[in-house]
Amino acid sequence: MAPRCYPRTCGSARSGGIICFALSWLILLPCGARGQTCREPHYRWSEKIDTALAALPATPADIAGILTSWAPRSVARTDMCAPRAGREDSVFVLTGWVRRIQLHESDGDWHIELTAAASAPVTDCVIVEIPAERYGAVYRAARAALATLVDTTRLSARGEAAAPVQVRFTGAAFFDGYHQLPWPGAPHPVLHGRCNASLRALWELHPIYKVEPPRR
């Protein structure tokens, strides 16, 4: 079976004609025709749900540092089965303000957008993701911990938190190259939630292994 590519549309006029053209080309071209054969049901799925790194010690990181100094990887949406490499083999601990939680993603992940400050623009964000509980008890515990800190029953229809909440997350670094545009030098990703300020914003903590209150 050919790997499934995420169905996307480019209905927003703000994305511009060129971006829509590029996305349309990527949607229509089958994954197998783009030069890689694998059986992942979603982009780099084995890496996104892997619990093997959960016992590693965590290195402190911060949102500003990620957005200014973590160099993007060269992987793109054609690299459906790319293994972890470099920074992705490490675990980091990050404290940020939860601005949005999307609980019903097509792959079952909880998609969480964080900013460095409660008053920061929501587009100055990074994403962390917690896989579905069926992939490991560690994810069940992480989801339960987040739900005690952020009232997920009061999210807006688009997932915005009623008020920003500061939370500490521990997880493996992951570069979500699926959202890179298909030509060299394109400065911004697309359709990566609201976190599209630069290619560095494609760095995530994914999967998340632990959720805690912030340390004072």
N, C-alpha and C. Protein backbone atom coordinates (compact mmCIF):
# COMPACT_ATOMS: atom_id res chain seq x y z
N MET A 1 0.85 -1.20 0.00
CA MET A 1 0.00 0.00 0.00
C MET A 1 0.88 1.25 0.00
N ALA A 2 0.56 2.17 -0.85
CA ALA A 2 1.33 3.41 -0.89
C ALA A 2 1.06 4.21 0.36
N PRO A 3 2.07 4.93 0.88
CA PRO A 3 1.85 5.75 2.07
C PRO A 3 0.86 6.85 1.81
N ARG A 4 0.09 7.16 2.82
CA ARG A 4 -0.92 8.21 2.68
C ARG A 4 -0.29 9.57 2.93
N CYS A 5 -0.58 10.51 2.05
CA CYS A 5 -0.16 11.88 2.27
C CYS A 5 -1.32 12.64 2.88
N TYR A 6 -1.02 13.60 3.75
CA TYR A 6 -2.08 14.37 4.36
C TYR A 6 -2.89 15.11 3.31
N PRO A 7 -4.20 15.02 3.35
CA PRO A 7 -5.00 15.85 2.44
C PRO A 7 -4.98 17.29 2.93
N ARG A 8 -4.64 18.19 2.06
CA ARG A 8 -4.60 19.61 2.42
C ARG A 8 -5.30 20.43 1.34
N THR A 9 -5.83 21.54 1.72
CA THR A 9 -6.37 22.48 0.76
C THR A 9 -5.71 23.81 0.96
N CYS A 10 -5.82 24.66 -0.03
CA CYS A 10 -5.22 25.98 0.10
C CYS A 10 -6.31 27.02 -0.11
N GLY A 11 -7.35 26.89 0.65
CA GLY A 11 -8.50 27.76 0.50
C GLY A 11 -8.27 29.17 0.99
N SER A 12 -7.24 29.42 1.82
CA SER A 12 -7.02 30.76 2.34
C SER A 12 -6.40 31.66 1.28
N ALA A 13 -7.05 32.77 1.01
CA ALA A 13 -6.53 33.70 0.01
C ALA A 13 -5.20 34.26 0.43
N ARG A 14 -4.94 34.27 1.73
CA ARG A 14 -3.70 34.85 2.22
C ARG A 14 -2.48 34.05 1.81
N SER A 15 -2.66 32.77 1.52
CA SER A 15 -1.50 31.95 1.18
C SER A 15 -0.90 32.30 -0.16
N GLY A 16 -1.70 32.93 -1.03
CA GLY A 16 -1.17 33.39 -2.32
C GLY A 16 -1.21 32.31 -3.37
N GLY A 17 -1.25 32.75 -4.62
CA GLY A 17 -1.38 31.82 -5.73
C GLY A 17 -0.21 30.89 -5.88
N ILE A 18 1.00 31.39 -5.64
CA ILE A 18 2.18 30.55 -5.83
C ILE A 18 2.19 29.41 -4.83
N ILE A 19 1.88 29.72 -3.57
CA ILE A 19 1.88 28.70 -2.55
C ILE A 19 0.79 27.68 -2.84
N CYS A 20 -0.37 28.14 -3.25
CA CYS A 20 -1.46 27.22 -3.57
C CYS A 20 -1.09 26.30 -4.72
N PHE A 21 -0.41 26.86 -5.73
CA PHE A 21 0.01 26.03 -6.85
C PHE A 21 0.96 24.94 -6.37
N ALA A 22 1.92 25.31 -5.52
CA ALA A 22 2.88 24.34 -5.01
C ALA A 22 2.19 23.26 -4.19
N LEU A 23 1.26 23.67 -3.34
CA LEU A 23 0.56 22.70 -2.51
C LEU A 23 -0.31 21.78 -3.35
N SER A 24 -0.97 22.33 -4.37
CA SER A 24 -1.79 21.50 -5.24
C SER A 24 -0.96 20.44 -5.92
N TRP A 25 0.23 20.82 -6.36
CA TRP A 25 1.11 19.86 -7.02
C TRP A 25 1.51 18.75 -6.06
N LEU A 26 1.79 19.12 -4.82
CA LEU A 26 2.20 18.13 -3.85
C LEU A 26 1.06 17.21 -3.45
N ILE A 27 -0.14 17.74 -3.39
CA ILE A 27 -1.29 16.92 -3.01
C ILE A 27 -1.59 15.89 -4.09
N LEU A 28 -1.53 16.31 -5.34
CA LEU A 28 -1.93 15.45 -6.44
C LEU A 28 -0.90 14.38 -6.76
N LEU A 29 0.36 14.66 -6.49
CA LEU A 29 1.41 13.71 -6.82
C LEU A 29 1.46 12.61 -5.76
N PRO A 30 1.27 11.34 -6.14
CA PRO A 30 1.29 10.27 -5.14
C PRO A 30 2.63 10.21 -4.44
N CYS A 31 2.61 9.78 -3.18
CA CYS A 31 3.85 9.70 -2.41
C CYS A 31 4.86 8.78 -3.09
N GLY A 32 4.38 7.64 -3.58
CA GLY A 32 5.30 6.70 -4.19
C GLY A 32 5.98 7.27 -5.41
N ALA A 33 5.30 8.18 -6.12
CA ALA A 33 5.88 8.76 -7.32
C ALA A 33 6.95 9.77 -6.99
N ARG A 34 7.07 10.16 -5.72
CA ARG A 34 8.05 11.18 -5.35
C ARG A 34 9.36 10.56 -4.88
N GLY A 35 9.59 9.30 -5.25
CA GLY A 35 10.92 8.77 -5.15
C GLY A 35 11.21 8.00 -3.86
N GLN A 36 10.22 7.72 -3.04
CA GLN A 36 10.48 6.97 -1.82
C GLN A 36 9.33 6.02 -1.56
N THR A 37 9.66 4.77 -1.24
CA THR A 37 8.65 3.78 -0.95
C THR A 37 8.75 3.41 0.51
N CYS A 38 7.66 3.54 1.23
CA CYS A 38 7.63 3.11 2.62
C CYS A 38 6.17 2.87 3.00
N ARG A 39 5.99 2.32 4.17
CA ARG A 39 4.65 1.93 4.58
C ARG A 39 4.15 2.75 5.77
N GLU A 40 4.71 3.90 6.01
CA GLU A 40 4.25 4.74 7.10
C GLU A 40 2.85 5.28 6.79
N PRO A 41 1.92 5.21 7.75
CA PRO A 41 0.57 5.73 7.50
C PRO A 41 0.51 7.25 7.49
N HIS A 42 1.49 7.89 8.16
CA HIS A 42 1.61 9.34 8.19
C HIS A 42 3.10 9.68 8.08
N TYR A 43 3.39 10.94 7.85
CA TYR A 43 4.76 11.41 7.67
C TYR A 43 5.65 11.03 8.86
N ARG A 44 6.71 10.27 8.61
CA ARG A 44 7.71 9.88 9.62
C ARG A 44 7.04 9.35 10.89
N TRP A 45 6.04 8.54 10.71
CA TRP A 45 5.17 8.16 11.81
C TRP A 45 5.90 7.36 12.90
N SER A 46 6.77 6.45 12.51
CA SER A 46 7.49 5.65 13.51
C SER A 46 8.30 6.53 14.45
N GLU A 47 8.84 7.62 13.92
CA GLU A 47 9.63 8.53 14.75
C GLU A 47 8.71 9.33 15.69
N LYS A 48 7.52 9.65 15.23
CA LYS A 48 6.61 10.49 16.02
C LYS A 48 6.02 9.77 17.23
N ILE A 49 5.94 8.45 17.20
CA ILE A 49 5.30 7.72 18.29
C ILE A 49 6.28 6.87 19.09
N ASP A 50 7.56 6.97 18.79
CA ASP A 50 8.58 6.12 19.39
C ASP A 50 8.79 6.47 20.87
N THR A 51 8.77 5.47 21.73
CA THR A 51 9.02 5.68 23.16
C THR A 51 10.47 5.38 23.54
N ALA A 52 11.31 5.03 22.58
CA ALA A 52 12.66 4.56 22.89
C ALA A 52 13.53 5.62 23.56
N LEU A 53 13.23 6.90 23.32
CA LEU A 53 14.06 7.96 23.88
C LEU A 53 13.56 8.46 25.24
N ALA A 54 12.47 7.91 25.71
CA ALA A 54 11.81 8.46 26.89
C ALA A 54 12.69 8.46 28.14
N ALA A 55 13.62 7.51 28.24
CA ALA A 55 14.45 7.40 29.44
C ALA A 55 15.70 8.27 29.39
N LEU A 56 15.94 8.94 28.28
CA LEU A 56 17.14 9.77 28.17
C LEU A 56 17.03 11.01 29.06
N PRO A 57 18.17 11.50 29.57
CA PRO A 57 18.12 12.78 30.31
C PRO A 57 17.75 13.91 29.38
N ALA A 58 17.02 14.88 29.91
CA ALA A 58 16.52 15.99 29.09
C ALA A 58 17.43 17.20 29.22
N THR A 59 17.70 17.82 28.08
CA THR A 59 18.49 19.05 28.01
C THR A 59 17.55 20.25 28.01
N PRO A 60 17.80 21.27 28.82
CA PRO A 60 16.93 22.45 28.80
C PRO A 60 16.96 23.16 27.45
N ALA A 61 15.80 23.63 27.02
CA ALA A 61 15.68 24.41 25.79
C ALA A 61 14.68 25.52 26.05
N ASP A 62 14.66 26.53 25.19
CA ASP A 62 13.67 27.59 25.31
C ASP A 62 13.17 27.96 23.93
N ILE A 63 12.00 28.54 23.89
CA ILE A 63 11.34 28.82 22.61
C ILE A 63 12.14 29.81 21.79
N ALA A 64 12.65 30.86 22.43
CA ALA A 64 13.43 31.85 21.68
C ALA A 64 14.66 31.21 21.05
N GLY A 65 15.33 30.33 21.78
CA GLY A 65 16.50 29.66 21.24
C GLY A 65 16.18 28.77 20.05
N ILE A 66 15.06 28.06 20.14
CA ILE A 66 14.65 27.21 19.02
C ILE A 66 14.40 28.05 17.78
N LEU A 67 13.68 29.15 17.94
CA LEU A 67 13.28 29.96 16.79
C LEU A 67 14.43 30.80 16.20
N THR A 68 15.52 30.92 16.93
CA THR A 68 16.64 31.74 16.42
C THR A 68 17.90 30.95 16.11
N SER A 69 18.06 29.76 16.70
CA SER A 69 19.36 29.11 16.56
C SER A 69 19.33 27.64 16.16
N TRP A 70 18.17 27.00 16.15
CA TRP A 70 18.14 25.60 15.73
C TRP A 70 18.05 25.55 14.21
N ALA A 71 19.11 25.09 13.58
CA ALA A 71 19.14 25.05 12.11
C ALA A 71 18.17 24.02 11.57
N PRO A 72 17.41 24.36 10.53
CA PRO A 72 16.46 23.40 9.96
C PRO A 72 17.17 22.19 9.38
N ARG A 73 16.51 21.05 9.41
CA ARG A 73 16.98 19.88 8.69
C ARG A 73 16.58 19.99 7.23
N SER A 74 17.19 19.17 6.40
CA SER A 74 16.89 19.20 4.97
C SER A 74 15.75 18.27 4.59
N VAL A 75 15.18 17.53 5.53
CA VAL A 75 14.09 16.62 5.18
C VAL A 75 12.85 17.41 4.77
N ALA A 76 12.11 16.83 3.83
CA ALA A 76 10.89 17.45 3.32
C ALA A 76 9.78 16.41 3.30
N ARG A 77 8.64 16.78 2.75
CA ARG A 77 7.48 15.89 2.79
C ARG A 77 7.67 14.63 1.96
N THR A 78 8.64 14.62 1.06
CA THR A 78 8.93 13.40 0.31
C THR A 78 9.68 12.36 1.14
N ASP A 79 10.22 12.78 2.29
CA ASP A 79 11.02 11.87 3.12
C ASP A 79 10.11 11.19 4.16
N MET A 80 9.18 10.40 3.68
CA MET A 80 8.15 9.82 4.54
C MET A 80 8.72 8.93 5.64
N CYS A 81 9.87 8.31 5.39
CA CYS A 81 10.42 7.34 6.34
C CYS A 81 11.79 7.77 6.86
N ALA A 82 12.12 9.04 6.78
CA ALA A 82 13.44 9.49 7.22
C ALA A 82 13.64 9.19 8.71
N PRO A 83 14.76 8.57 9.07
CA PRO A 83 15.01 8.27 10.48
C PRO A 83 15.42 9.54 11.24
N ARG A 84 15.40 9.44 12.54
CA ARG A 84 15.91 10.54 13.35
C ARG A 84 17.40 10.72 13.10
N ALA A 85 17.84 11.98 13.24
CA ALA A 85 19.25 12.28 13.03
C ALA A 85 19.60 13.55 13.79
N GLY A 86 20.86 13.66 14.22
CA GLY A 86 21.34 14.87 14.86
C GLY A 86 20.56 15.19 16.12
N ARG A 87 20.05 16.42 16.21
CA ARG A 87 19.31 16.89 17.39
C ARG A 87 18.09 16.02 17.68
N GLU A 88 17.56 15.37 16.68
CA GLU A 88 16.36 14.55 16.87
C GLU A 88 16.61 13.32 17.75
N ASP A 89 17.87 12.99 17.97
CA ASP A 89 18.18 11.85 18.83
C ASP A 89 18.28 12.25 20.30
N SER A 90 17.90 13.48 20.61
CA SER A 90 18.00 13.98 21.98
C SER A 90 16.63 14.39 22.52
N VAL A 91 16.56 14.43 23.84
CA VAL A 91 15.34 14.83 24.54
C VAL A 91 15.57 16.19 25.19
N PHE A 92 14.55 17.03 25.14
CA PHE A 92 14.65 18.40 25.66
C PHE A 92 13.48 18.67 26.59
N VAL A 93 13.69 19.61 27.50
CA VAL A 93 12.63 20.07 28.38
C VAL A 93 12.41 21.56 28.12
N LEU A 94 11.17 21.92 27.95
CA LEU A 94 10.80 23.25 27.46
C LEU A 94 9.60 23.76 28.25
N THR A 95 9.68 25.01 28.70
CA THR A 95 8.54 25.64 29.36
C THR A 95 7.98 26.73 28.46
N GLY A 96 6.68 26.72 28.28
CA GLY A 96 6.04 27.72 27.43
C GLY A 96 4.60 27.93 27.85
N TRP A 97 3.99 28.92 27.23
CA TRP A 97 2.59 29.25 27.51
C TRP A 97 1.69 28.59 26.47
N VAL A 98 0.80 27.75 26.94
CA VAL A 98 -0.12 27.05 26.03
C VAL A 98 -1.14 28.06 25.50
N ARG A 99 -1.18 28.19 24.17
CA ARG A 99 -2.11 29.12 23.53
C ARG A 99 -3.22 28.40 22.78
N ARG A 100 -2.91 27.21 22.29
CA ARG A 100 -3.93 26.45 21.56
C ARG A 100 -3.64 24.96 21.70
N ILE A 101 -4.70 24.19 21.84
CA ILE A 101 -4.61 22.72 21.86
C ILE A 101 -5.64 22.18 20.89
N GLN A 102 -5.19 21.45 19.90
CA GLN A 102 -6.11 20.80 18.96
C GLN A 102 -6.16 19.32 19.30
N LEU A 103 -7.33 18.88 19.74
CA LEU A 103 -7.50 17.55 20.29
C LEU A 103 -7.92 16.51 19.26
N HIS A 104 -8.27 16.94 18.07
CA HIS A 104 -8.88 16.01 17.12
C HIS A 104 -8.16 16.02 15.78
N GLU A 105 -6.83 15.96 15.81
CA GLU A 105 -6.05 15.86 14.58
C GLU A 105 -6.29 14.51 13.90
N SER A 106 -6.10 14.47 12.60
CA SER A 106 -6.40 13.26 11.84
C SER A 106 -5.52 12.08 12.26
N ASP A 107 -4.32 12.35 12.77
CA ASP A 107 -3.43 11.26 13.19
C ASP A 107 -3.60 10.91 14.67
N GLY A 108 -4.51 11.59 15.37
CA GLY A 108 -4.77 11.27 16.76
C GLY A 108 -3.92 12.02 17.76
N ASP A 109 -2.92 12.77 17.30
CA ASP A 109 -2.06 13.52 18.22
C ASP A 109 -2.82 14.69 18.86
N TRP A 110 -2.40 15.08 20.05
CA TRP A 110 -2.77 16.37 20.61
C TRP A 110 -1.73 17.38 20.14
N HIS A 111 -2.18 18.39 19.43
CA HIS A 111 -1.33 19.42 18.84
C HIS A 111 -1.40 20.65 19.75
N ILE A 112 -0.24 21.05 20.30
CA ILE A 112 -0.21 22.11 21.31
C ILE A 112 0.74 23.21 20.83
N GLU A 113 0.24 24.44 20.79
CA GLU A 113 1.05 25.58 20.36
C GLU A 113 1.45 26.40 21.58
N LEU A 114 2.77 26.70 21.66
CA LEU A 114 3.34 27.38 22.82
C LEU A 114 4.02 28.67 22.39
N THR A 115 3.95 29.69 23.24
CA THR A 115 4.74 30.90 23.05
C THR A 115 5.60 31.12 24.29
N ALA A 116 6.63 31.95 24.13
CA ALA A 116 7.58 32.18 25.22
C ALA A 116 6.97 33.02 26.34
N ALA A 117 6.02 33.88 26.01
CA ALA A 117 5.36 34.73 27.00
C ALA A 117 3.86 34.68 26.79
N ALA A 118 3.11 34.94 27.84
CA ALA A 118 1.66 34.90 27.74
C ALA A 118 1.12 35.93 26.77
N SER A 119 1.84 37.05 26.62
CA SER A 119 1.38 38.14 25.77
C SER A 119 2.03 38.14 24.39
N ALA A 120 2.87 37.15 24.10
CA ALA A 120 3.55 37.10 22.80
C ALA A 120 2.55 36.86 21.68
N PRO A 121 2.84 37.33 20.47
CA PRO A 121 1.95 37.01 19.34
C PRO A 121 1.81 35.50 19.18
N VAL A 122 0.60 35.06 18.89
CA VAL A 122 0.36 33.62 18.80
C VAL A 122 1.13 32.98 17.65
N THR A 123 1.60 33.78 16.70
CA THR A 123 2.37 33.23 15.59
C THR A 123 3.84 33.04 15.93
N ASP A 124 4.30 33.57 17.07
CA ASP A 124 5.68 33.35 17.51
C ASP A 124 5.72 32.09 18.36
N CYS A 125 5.40 30.98 17.74
CA CYS A 125 5.15 29.77 18.52
C CYS A 125 5.97 28.58 18.03
N VAL A 126 6.03 27.59 18.90
CA VAL A 126 6.51 26.26 18.54
C VAL A 126 5.41 25.27 18.91
N ILE A 127 5.53 24.08 18.34
CA ILE A 127 4.51 23.05 18.53
C ILE A 127 5.11 21.88 19.29
N VAL A 128 4.34 21.34 20.23
CA VAL A 128 4.66 20.06 20.86
C VAL A 128 3.44 19.15 20.66
N GLU A 129 3.69 17.86 20.57
CA GLU A 129 2.59 16.94 20.28
C GLU A 129 2.66 15.69 21.15
N ILE A 130 1.49 15.28 21.62
CA ILE A 130 1.36 14.07 22.43
C ILE A 130 0.60 13.03 21.62
N PRO A 131 1.23 11.90 21.30
CA PRO A 131 0.52 10.87 20.54
C PRO A 131 -0.65 10.27 21.31
N ALA A 132 -1.43 9.49 20.60
CA ALA A 132 -2.60 8.84 21.18
C ALA A 132 -2.19 7.86 22.26
N GLU A 133 -3.08 7.65 23.22
CA GLU A 133 -2.80 6.80 24.37
C GLU A 133 -2.47 5.37 23.96
N ARG A 134 -3.01 4.91 22.85
CA ARG A 134 -2.79 3.51 22.46
C ARG A 134 -1.33 3.21 22.12
N TYR A 135 -0.52 4.25 21.92
CA TYR A 135 0.88 4.04 21.57
C TYR A 135 1.79 3.93 22.79
N GLY A 136 1.26 4.09 23.99
CA GLY A 136 2.10 3.91 25.17
C GLY A 136 1.52 4.58 26.40
N ALA A 137 1.78 3.95 27.55
CA ALA A 137 1.29 4.50 28.81
C ALA A 137 1.88 5.87 29.09
N VAL A 138 3.09 6.12 28.59
CA VAL A 138 3.72 7.42 28.81
C VAL A 138 2.89 8.54 28.19
N TYR A 139 2.23 8.26 27.07
CA TYR A 139 1.39 9.27 26.42
C TYR A 139 0.07 9.44 27.16
N ARG A 140 -0.45 8.36 27.70
CA ARG A 140 -1.66 8.46 28.51
C ARG A 140 -1.41 9.36 29.72
N ALA A 141 -0.26 9.16 30.37
CA ALA A 141 0.08 9.96 31.54
C ALA A 141 0.31 11.42 31.17
N ALA A 142 0.96 11.65 30.03
CA ALA A 142 1.23 13.03 29.60
C ALA A 142 -0.07 13.77 29.30
N ARG A 143 -1.00 13.11 28.65
CA ARG A 143 -2.29 13.74 28.35
C ARG A 143 -3.07 14.04 29.63
N ALA A 144 -3.06 13.10 30.55
CA ALA A 144 -3.78 13.31 31.80
C ALA A 144 -3.18 14.48 32.56
N ALA A 145 -1.85 14.58 32.56
CA ALA A 145 -1.19 15.68 33.27
C ALA A 145 -1.53 17.02 32.63
N LEU A 146 -1.55 17.07 31.30
CA LEU A 146 -1.89 18.33 30.63
C LEU A 146 -3.34 18.74 30.94
N ALA A 147 -4.23 17.76 30.97
CA ALA A 147 -5.64 18.06 31.23
C ALA A 147 -5.88 18.58 32.64
N THR A 148 -4.96 18.28 33.57
CA THR A 148 -5.09 18.84 34.91
C THR A 148 -4.60 20.28 34.98
N LEU A 149 -3.76 20.66 34.03
CA LEU A 149 -3.18 22.01 34.04
C LEU A 149 -3.94 22.98 33.14
N VAL A 150 -4.50 22.47 32.06
CA VAL A 150 -5.26 23.29 31.11
C VAL A 150 -6.65 22.68 30.99
N ASP A 151 -7.66 23.47 31.19
CA ASP A 151 -9.04 22.98 31.12
C ASP A 151 -9.42 22.77 29.65
N THR A 152 -9.29 21.53 29.20
CA THR A 152 -9.56 21.23 27.79
C THR A 152 -11.05 21.28 27.47
N THR A 153 -11.90 21.39 28.48
CA THR A 153 -13.34 21.51 28.23
C THR A 153 -13.73 22.94 27.90
N ARG A 154 -12.81 23.89 28.08
CA ARG A 154 -13.12 25.29 27.83
C ARG A 154 -12.37 25.84 26.62
N LEU A 155 -11.84 24.98 25.79
CA LEU A 155 -11.18 25.43 24.57
C LEU A 155 -12.21 25.96 23.59
N SER A 156 -11.81 26.93 22.78
CA SER A 156 -12.70 27.43 21.74
C SER A 156 -12.85 26.39 20.64
N ALA A 157 -13.71 26.68 19.69
CA ALA A 157 -13.92 25.74 18.58
C ALA A 157 -12.63 25.50 17.80
N ARG A 158 -11.73 26.48 17.81
CA ARG A 158 -10.44 26.34 17.11
C ARG A 158 -9.33 25.89 18.05
N GLY A 159 -9.67 25.59 19.30
CA GLY A 159 -8.70 25.06 20.23
C GLY A 159 -7.98 26.07 21.10
N GLU A 160 -8.32 27.37 20.99
CA GLU A 160 -7.63 28.37 21.80
C GLU A 160 -7.97 28.17 23.27
N ALA A 161 -6.94 28.29 24.12
CA ALA A 161 -7.16 28.22 25.56
C ALA A 161 -7.89 29.47 26.02
N ALA A 162 -8.72 29.31 27.04
CA ALA A 162 -9.47 30.45 27.57
C ALA A 162 -8.52 31.54 28.06
N ALA A 163 -7.38 31.13 28.61
CA ALA A 163 -6.31 32.04 29.01
C ALA A 163 -5.01 31.27 28.88
N PRO A 164 -3.90 31.94 28.52
CA PRO A 164 -2.63 31.22 28.42
C PRO A 164 -2.25 30.57 29.76
N VAL A 165 -1.70 29.36 29.68
CA VAL A 165 -1.28 28.62 30.87
C VAL A 165 0.16 28.18 30.66
N GLN A 166 1.00 28.42 31.66
CA GLN A 166 2.41 28.03 31.55
C GLN A 166 2.57 26.57 31.95
N VAL A 167 3.25 25.80 31.09
CA VAL A 167 3.40 24.36 31.28
C VAL A 167 4.82 23.96 30.86
N ARG A 168 5.32 22.94 31.50
CA ARG A 168 6.66 22.40 31.22
C ARG A 168 6.50 21.06 30.50
N PHE A 169 7.15 20.93 29.33
CA PHE A 169 7.04 19.73 28.50
C PHE A 169 8.42 19.09 28.31
N THR A 170 8.46 17.78 28.34
CA THR A 170 9.68 17.03 28.05
C THR A 170 9.39 16.08 26.90
N GLY A 171 10.24 16.13 25.87
CA GLY A 171 10.03 15.26 24.72
C GLY A 171 11.21 15.29 23.76
N ALA A 172 11.12 14.47 22.74
CA ALA A 172 12.18 14.36 21.74
C ALA A 172 12.04 15.45 20.68
N ALA A 173 13.16 16.03 20.28
CA ALA A 173 13.14 17.00 19.19
C ALA A 173 12.74 16.29 17.90
N PHE A 174 11.98 17.02 17.07
CA PHE A 174 11.52 16.46 15.79
C PHE A 174 11.36 17.60 14.80
N PHE A 175 11.94 17.44 13.61
CA PHE A 175 11.80 18.45 12.57
C PHE A 175 10.71 18.01 11.60
N ASP A 176 9.62 18.78 11.55
CA ASP A 176 8.46 18.40 10.74
C ASP A 176 8.60 18.97 9.33
N GLY A 177 9.46 18.33 8.55
CA GLY A 177 9.74 18.79 7.20
C GLY A 177 8.58 18.65 6.24
N TYR A 178 7.50 18.01 6.68
CA TYR A 178 6.33 17.89 5.81
C TYR A 178 5.83 19.25 5.34
N HIS A 179 6.06 20.27 6.13
CA HIS A 179 5.50 21.59 5.85
C HIS A 179 6.46 22.53 5.12
N GLN A 180 7.58 22.01 4.64
CA GLN A 180 8.47 22.83 3.83
C GLN A 180 7.93 22.95 2.41
N LEU A 181 8.10 24.12 1.83
CA LEU A 181 7.74 24.30 0.43
C LEU A 181 8.75 23.58 -0.46
N PRO A 182 8.36 23.20 -1.67
CA PRO A 182 9.18 22.27 -2.46
C PRO A 182 10.29 22.91 -3.28
N TRP A 183 10.77 24.08 -2.91
CA TRP A 183 11.90 24.64 -3.66
C TRP A 183 12.94 25.17 -2.68
N PRO A 184 14.23 25.09 -3.05
CA PRO A 184 15.30 25.53 -2.16
C PRO A 184 15.17 27.01 -1.80
N GLY A 185 15.47 27.34 -0.56
CA GLY A 185 15.49 28.74 -0.13
C GLY A 185 14.15 29.30 0.26
N ALA A 186 13.07 28.54 0.16
CA ALA A 186 11.76 29.05 0.60
C ALA A 186 11.85 29.37 2.09
N PRO A 187 11.56 30.61 2.49
CA PRO A 187 11.87 31.03 3.87
C PRO A 187 10.87 30.60 4.92
N HIS A 188 9.65 30.23 4.51
CA HIS A 188 8.61 29.97 5.49
C HIS A 188 7.94 28.63 5.22
N PRO A 189 7.56 27.91 6.28
CA PRO A 189 6.72 26.73 6.09
C PRO A 189 5.27 27.13 5.88
N VAL A 190 4.43 26.15 5.59
CA VAL A 190 3.01 26.41 5.40
C VAL A 190 2.19 25.36 6.14
N LEU A 191 1.01 25.77 6.59
CA LEU A 191 0.03 24.87 7.17
C LEU A 191 0.55 24.12 8.39
N HIS A 192 1.46 24.76 9.12
CA HIS A 192 2.01 24.16 10.34
C HIS A 192 1.33 24.83 11.54
N GLY A 193 0.03 24.62 11.65
CA GLY A 193 -0.73 25.36 12.65
C GLY A 193 -0.55 26.85 12.44
N ARG A 194 -0.29 27.58 13.52
CA ARG A 194 0.01 29.01 13.40
C ARG A 194 1.51 29.28 13.49
N CYS A 195 2.31 28.21 13.52
CA CYS A 195 3.76 28.34 13.75
C CYS A 195 4.51 28.25 12.43
N ASN A 196 4.44 29.33 11.66
CA ASN A 196 5.03 29.37 10.32
C ASN A 196 5.98 30.54 10.12
N ALA A 197 6.52 31.08 11.23
CA ALA A 197 7.34 32.30 11.14
C ALA A 197 8.62 32.08 10.36
N SER A 198 9.21 30.89 10.46
CA SER A 198 10.43 30.56 9.74
C SER A 198 10.55 29.05 9.71
N LEU A 199 11.53 28.55 8.96
CA LEU A 199 11.72 27.10 8.92
C LEU A 199 12.12 26.55 10.28
N ARG A 200 12.74 27.37 11.12
CA ARG A 200 13.09 26.91 12.46
C ARG A 200 11.83 26.58 13.28
N ALA A 201 10.71 27.19 12.93
CA ALA A 201 9.46 26.91 13.64
C ALA A 201 8.95 25.50 13.36
N LEU A 202 9.57 24.80 12.41
CA LEU A 202 9.20 23.41 12.17
C LEU A 202 9.82 22.46 13.20
N TRP A 203 10.72 22.98 14.03
CA TRP A 203 11.21 22.15 15.14
C TRP A 203 10.11 22.01 16.19
N GLU A 204 9.86 20.78 16.57
CA GLU A 204 8.85 20.46 17.57
C GLU A 204 9.49 19.62 18.67
N LEU A 205 8.79 19.45 19.76
CA LEU A 205 9.03 18.32 20.65
C LEU A 205 7.92 17.32 20.35
N HIS A 206 8.32 16.19 19.81
CA HIS A 206 7.35 15.23 19.29
C HIS A 206 8.01 13.86 19.19
N PRO A 207 7.69 12.93 20.06
CA PRO A 207 6.57 12.96 20.99
C PRO A 207 6.93 13.59 22.34
N ILE A 208 5.89 13.98 23.05
CA ILE A 208 6.04 14.47 24.42
C ILE A 208 5.93 13.27 25.36
N TYR A 209 6.90 13.19 26.30
CA TYR A 209 6.91 12.09 27.25
C TYR A 209 6.42 12.49 28.65
N LYS A 210 6.51 13.79 28.94
CA LYS A 210 6.17 14.21 30.31
C LYS A 210 5.64 15.63 30.29
N VAL A 211 4.62 15.88 31.11
CA VAL A 211 4.02 17.21 31.25
C VAL A 211 3.97 17.55 32.74
N GLU A 212 4.41 18.77 33.06
CA GLU A 212 4.49 19.18 34.47
C GLU A 212 4.12 20.65 34.60
N PRO A 213 3.81 21.08 35.82
CA PRO A 213 3.71 22.52 36.06
C PRO A 213 5.07 23.17 35.90
N PRO A 214 5.13 24.46 35.65
CA PRO A 214 6.44 25.14 35.54
C PRO A 214 7.17 25.14 36.87
N ARG A 215 8.48 25.13 36.81
CA ARG A 215 9.28 25.21 38.04
C ARG A 215 9.53 26.68 38.36
N ARG A 216 9.35 27.03 39.59
CA ARG A 216 9.51 28.43 40.01
C ARG A 216 10.92 28.68 40.54
